[in-house]
Every structure is written in C-alpha cells, then in structure tokens.
Amino acid sequence: MRILLAALLTIIILEAVIAFHDPPCKKNEAFRKGMSSNCGEHRCGPIVRRCKRDSRDGCFCNEGFRRKGGARSRCIPENKCKNKKI
C-alpha cells in the first residue's frame, strides 16, 4: 500500500511540475515574459513606430532573428528577410 501511495504522490508532483513549465518554443525562439505584443520581437518588414504598453508571455524570436509573417510563422535570420527596410 505504501508503494502505491508513494507512486501516486510522485506522479502528482511530476504532473504539477510539467503543467507549470514554460511551453516549448520552436527553433530560433525563446520563451519570454512581460514582452510588448507588437515590439517584443522584430519582424521582416517596416519597423513598428509605437509599441503597445501591454504585457505578453510567449515565444519570441531570438536575437538576430525576425518573424517572417504572423504570430505562428517561423523566425528566420535577419539577412534572409526579403524586405530590407528593417
């Protein structure tokens, strides 16, 4: 009975740790907290002139990379952006 109780307790603790762990990000991304939704990372294309004062947690492009399209698109090296106005 003690072994079963110990196993159950171990499973509950592991589930709690996994549930509160930062979500996995794609290649060339890192999980960051408290970033501006439109200035938290650079995108290929025109520079955003005014940043929103909101706070968002999520996956953002690493330094030296830019988001190619929308929020679900991938991060590519800056020099691969077709629009060079960055």
Protein backbone atom coordinates (compact mmCIF):
# COMPACT_ATOMS: atom_id res chain seq x y z
CA MET A 1 0.00 0.00 0.00
CA ARG A 2 2.84 2.41 0.82
CA ILE A 3 4.48 1.75 -2.54
CA LEU A 4 1.25 2.54 -4.36
CA LEU A 5 0.78 5.73 -2.34
CA ALA A 6 4.39 6.81 -3.00
CA ALA A 7 4.00 6.13 -6.73
CA LEU A 8 0.75 8.11 -6.86
CA LEU A 9 2.32 11.04 -5.00
CA THR A 10 5.31 11.01 -7.38
CA ILE A 11 3.01 11.10 -10.41
CA ILE A 12 1.02 14.02 -8.97
CA ILE A 13 4.20 16.02 -8.29
CA LEU A 14 5.58 15.34 -11.79
CA GLU A 15 2.28 16.41 -13.38
CA ALA A 16 2.34 19.67 -11.41
CA VAL A 17 5.91 20.43 -12.50
CA ILE A 18 5.09 19.74 -16.15
CA ALA A 19 1.91 21.86 -16.02
CA PHE A 20 3.76 24.95 -14.76
CA HIS A 21 6.81 24.58 -17.01
CA ASP A 22 7.26 27.14 -19.80
CA PRO A 23 5.78 25.92 -23.10
CA PRO A 24 8.22 24.61 -25.68
CA CYS A 25 9.16 27.08 -28.38
CA LYS A 26 10.09 26.45 -31.99
CA LYS A 27 13.57 26.67 -33.47
CA ASN A 28 15.23 30.11 -33.04
CA GLU A 29 12.69 31.11 -30.35
CA ALA A 30 12.82 31.53 -26.58
CA PHE A 31 10.02 31.83 -24.01
CA ARG A 32 9.91 35.32 -22.50
CA LYS A 33 7.59 37.01 -20.02
CA GLY A 34 6.25 40.57 -19.98
CA MET A 35 7.02 41.49 -23.59
CA SER A 36 5.11 44.05 -25.69
CA SER A 37 2.81 42.26 -28.14
CA ASN A 38 4.00 44.31 -31.12
CA CYS A 39 7.54 45.29 -30.08
CA GLY A 40 8.64 42.19 -28.19
CA GLU A 41 10.38 40.95 -31.30
CA HIS A 42 11.28 42.29 -34.72
CA ARG A 43 9.55 41.16 -37.88
CA CYS A 44 10.59 41.25 -41.51
CA GLY A 45 9.14 44.47 -42.87
CA PRO A 46 8.65 48.03 -41.65
CA ILE A 47 9.74 48.97 -38.15
CA VAL A 48 6.93 49.48 -35.62
CA ARG A 49 6.99 53.12 -34.54
CA ARG A 50 4.84 52.89 -31.39
CA CYS A 51 4.87 49.97 -29.02
CA LYS A 52 1.80 48.81 -27.14
CA ARG A 53 2.03 49.03 -23.36
CA ASP A 54 0.63 45.56 -22.88
CA SER A 55 2.45 42.61 -21.37
CA ARG A 56 2.52 39.22 -23.05
CA ASP A 57 4.19 35.93 -22.19
CA GLY A 58 5.14 33.63 -25.04
CA CYS A 59 7.68 32.51 -27.60
CA PHE A 60 9.65 35.32 -29.23
CA CYS A 61 12.42 35.25 -31.84
CA ASN A 62 15.98 35.04 -30.54
CA GLU A 63 18.44 37.89 -31.07
CA GLY A 64 19.48 38.11 -34.74
CA PHE A 65 16.24 36.54 -35.99
CA ARG A 66 12.99 38.07 -37.24
CA ARG A 67 9.46 36.71 -37.56
CA LYS A 68 8.70 36.11 -41.24
CA GLY A 69 4.92 36.57 -41.03
CA GLY A 70 2.18 36.29 -38.42
CA ALA A 71 2.47 35.09 -34.84
CA ARG A 72 2.55 31.41 -35.83
CA SER A 73 5.21 31.83 -38.51
CA ARG A 74 8.85 30.89 -38.03
CA CYS A 75 11.84 33.00 -37.07
CA ILE A 76 14.46 33.43 -39.79
CA PRO A 77 17.91 35.09 -39.78
CA GLU A 78 17.70 38.88 -40.26
CA ASN A 79 19.67 38.71 -43.51
CA LYS A 80 17.05 36.36 -45.03
CA CYS A 81 14.25 38.97 -44.83
CA LYS A 82 13.23 39.96 -48.36
CA ASN A 83 12.17 43.45 -47.28
CA LYS A 84 15.47 45.10 -46.35
CA LYS A 85 13.79 48.10 -44.63
CA ILE A 86 14.48 46.80 -41.14
